[in-house]
Amino acid sequence: VSDIYVLNLAIADMLFLLVMPFNIHQLVRDRQWVFGNFMCKSVVVVDVSNQFTTVGIVTVLCIDRYIAIVHPSSEKRTVQWTII
């Protein structure tokens, strides 16, 4: 079940890696954005939503690990319940 959370975390990290070159380019050019208004908004949306998504996934992963340790025979720890 926790594999699904780790997969989601890996996907979020890959999205982070996709927008990182744009952020690095901006920092190298003294905070000047040269990719246009649409790309600026897109990169910011992906970056900010990725931060919240990563925190959410790690939180849910910790809760899942807690339930797995404290309640090992819980019926809620199924793949179907995780996807929901």
C-alpha atoms as a PDB file:
ATOM      1  CA  VAL A   1       0.000   0.000   0.000  1.00  0.00           C
ATOM      2  CA  SER A   2       2.796   2.436   0.807  1.00  0.00           C
ATOM      3  CA  ASP A   3       4.236   1.790  -2.657  1.00  0.00           C
ATOM      4  CA  ILE A   4       1.431   3.908  -4.085  1.00  0.00           C
ATOM      5  CA  TYR A   5       2.454   6.814  -1.873  1.00  0.00           C
ATOM      6  CA  VAL A   6       6.094   6.425  -2.833  1.00  0.00           C
ATOM      7  CA  LEU A   7       5.123   6.335  -6.518  1.00  0.00           C
ATOM      8  CA  ASN A   8       3.112   9.539  -6.094  1.00  0.00           C
ATOM      9  CA  LEU A   9       6.055  11.131  -4.323  1.00  0.00           C
ATOM     10  CA  ALA A  10       8.362  10.114  -7.169  1.00  0.00           C
ATOM     11  CA  ILE A  11       5.992  11.654  -9.718  1.00  0.00           C
ATOM     12  CA  ALA A  12       5.878  14.875  -7.705  1.00  0.00           C
ATOM     13  CA  ASP A  13       9.675  14.918  -7.593  1.00  0.00           C
ATOM     14  CA  MET A  14       9.841  14.436 -11.357  1.00  0.00           C
ATOM     15  CA  LEU A  15       7.539  17.432 -11.853  1.00  0.00           C
ATOM     16  CA  PHE A  16       9.831  19.415  -9.581  1.00  0.00           C
ATOM     17  CA  LEU A  17      12.794  18.424 -11.730  1.00  0.00           C
ATOM     18  CA  LEU A  18      10.964  19.570 -14.862  1.00  0.00           C
ATOM     19  CA  VAL A  19      10.532  23.140 -13.610  1.00  0.00           C
ATOM     20  CA  MET A  20      13.876  23.409 -11.815  1.00  0.00           C
ATOM     21  CA  PRO A  21      15.876  24.439 -14.935  1.00  0.00           C
ATOM     22  CA  PHE A  22      13.560  27.426 -15.408  1.00  0.00           C
ATOM     23  CA  ASN A  23      14.095  28.525 -11.808  1.00  0.00           C
ATOM     24  CA  ILE A  24      17.855  28.091 -12.104  1.00  0.00           C
ATOM     25  CA  HIS A  25      17.903  30.088 -15.337  1.00  0.00           C
ATOM     26  CA  GLN A  26      16.009  32.888 -13.621  1.00  0.00           C
ATOM     27  CA  LEU A  27      18.452  32.952 -10.701  1.00  0.00           C
ATOM     28  CA  VAL A  28      21.483  32.978 -12.989  1.00  0.00           C
ATOM     29  CA  ARG A  29      20.081  35.938 -14.943  1.00  0.00           C
ATOM     30  CA  ASP A  30      19.583  38.086 -11.817  1.00  0.00           C
ATOM     31  CA  ARG A  31      15.889  37.270 -11.407  1.00  0.00           C
ATOM     32  CA  GLN A  32      14.966  38.231 -14.972  1.00  0.00           C
ATOM     33  CA  TRP A  33      12.323  35.983 -16.505  1.00  0.00           C
ATOM     34  CA  VAL A  34      12.743  35.552 -20.261  1.00  0.00           C
ATOM     35  CA  PHE A  35      10.277  32.744 -21.004  1.00  0.00           C
ATOM     36  CA  GLY A  36       7.093  34.796 -21.183  1.00  0.00           C
ATOM     37  CA  ASN A  37       4.107  35.399 -18.954  1.00  0.00           C
ATOM     38  CA  PHE A  38       2.404  32.043 -19.576  1.00  0.00           C
ATOM     39  CA  MET A  39       5.497  30.026 -18.672  1.00  0.00           C
ATOM     40  CA  CYS A  40       6.046  32.174 -15.591  1.00  0.00           C
ATOM     41  CA  LYS A  41       2.571  31.431 -14.295  1.00  0.00           C
ATOM     42  CA  SER A  42       2.830  27.760 -15.264  1.00  0.00           C
ATOM     43  CA  VAL A  43       6.140  27.256 -13.489  1.00  0.00           C
ATOM     44  CA  VAL A  44       4.884  29.014 -10.358  1.00  0.00           C
ATOM     45  CA  VAL A  45       1.679  26.946 -10.305  1.00  0.00           C
ATOM     46  CA  VAL A  46       3.570  23.672 -10.746  1.00  0.00           C
ATOM     47  CA  ASP A  47       6.188  24.655  -8.171  1.00  0.00           C
ATOM     48  CA  VAL A  48       3.762  25.777  -5.469  1.00  0.00           C
ATOM     49  CA  SER A  49       1.285  22.947  -5.992  1.00  0.00           C
ATOM     50  CA  ASN A  50       4.170  20.496  -5.966  1.00  0.00           C
ATOM     51  CA  GLN A  51       5.298  21.758  -2.568  1.00  0.00           C
ATOM     52  CA  PHE A  52       1.856  21.249  -1.056  1.00  0.00           C
ATOM     53  CA  THR A  53       1.408  17.902  -2.785  1.00  0.00           C
ATOM     54  CA  THR A  54       4.722  16.608  -1.481  1.00  0.00           C
ATOM     55  CA  VAL A  55       3.893  17.629   2.079  1.00  0.00           C
ATOM     56  CA  GLY A  56       0.473  16.009   1.761  1.00  0.00           C
ATOM     57  CA  ILE A  57       1.875  12.751   0.410  1.00  0.00           C
ATOM     58  CA  VAL A  58       4.494  12.524   3.148  1.00  0.00           C
ATOM     59  CA  THR A  59       1.830  13.256   5.778  1.00  0.00           C
ATOM     60  CA  VAL A  60      -0.482  10.556   4.444  1.00  0.00           C
ATOM     61  CA  LEU A  61       2.455   8.151   4.220  1.00  0.00           C
ATOM     62  CA  CYS A  62       3.261   8.790   7.885  1.00  0.00           C
ATOM     63  CA  ILE A  63      -0.361   8.240   8.873  1.00  0.00           C
ATOM     64  CA  ASP A  64      -0.410   5.006   6.882  1.00  0.00           C
ATOM     65  CA  ARG A  65       2.769   3.811   8.594  1.00  0.00           C
ATOM     66  CA  TYR A  66       1.258   4.697  11.980  1.00  0.00           C
ATOM     67  CA  ILE A  67      -1.889   2.703  11.220  1.00  0.00           C
ATOM     68  CA  ALA A  68       0.213  -0.203   9.963  1.00  0.00           C
ATOM     69  CA  ILE A  69       2.172  -0.306  13.216  1.00  0.00           C
ATOM     70  CA  VAL A  70      -0.566   0.436  15.742  1.00  0.00           C
ATOM     71  CA  HIS A  71      -3.401  -1.439  14.006  1.00  0.00           C
ATOM     72  CA  PRO A  72      -1.727  -4.147  11.902  1.00  0.00           C
ATOM     73  CA  SER A  73      -4.948  -6.022  11.175  1.00  0.00           C
ATOM     74  CA  SER A  74      -6.912  -2.981  10.039  1.00  0.00           C
ATOM     75  CA  GLU A  75      -9.296  -3.497   7.146  1.00  0.00           C
ATOM     76  CA  LYS A  76      -8.705   0.037   5.852  1.00  0.00           C
ATOM     77  CA  ARG A  77      -5.191  -0.736   4.588  1.00  0.00           C
ATOM     78  CA  THR A  78      -6.039  -2.079   1.138  1.00  0.00           C
ATOM     79  CA  VAL A  79      -4.970  -0.878  -2.277  1.00  0.00           C
ATOM     80  CA  GLN A  80      -8.560  -0.037  -3.163  1.00  0.00           C
ATOM     81  CA  TRP A  81      -8.948   2.112  -0.031  1.00  0.00           C
ATOM     82  CA  THR A  82      -5.625   3.817  -0.747  1.00  0.00           C
ATOM     83  CA  ILE A  83      -6.651   4.796  -4.272  1.00  0.00           C
ATOM     84  CA  ILE A  84      -9.903   6.271  -2.987  1.00  0.00           C
END
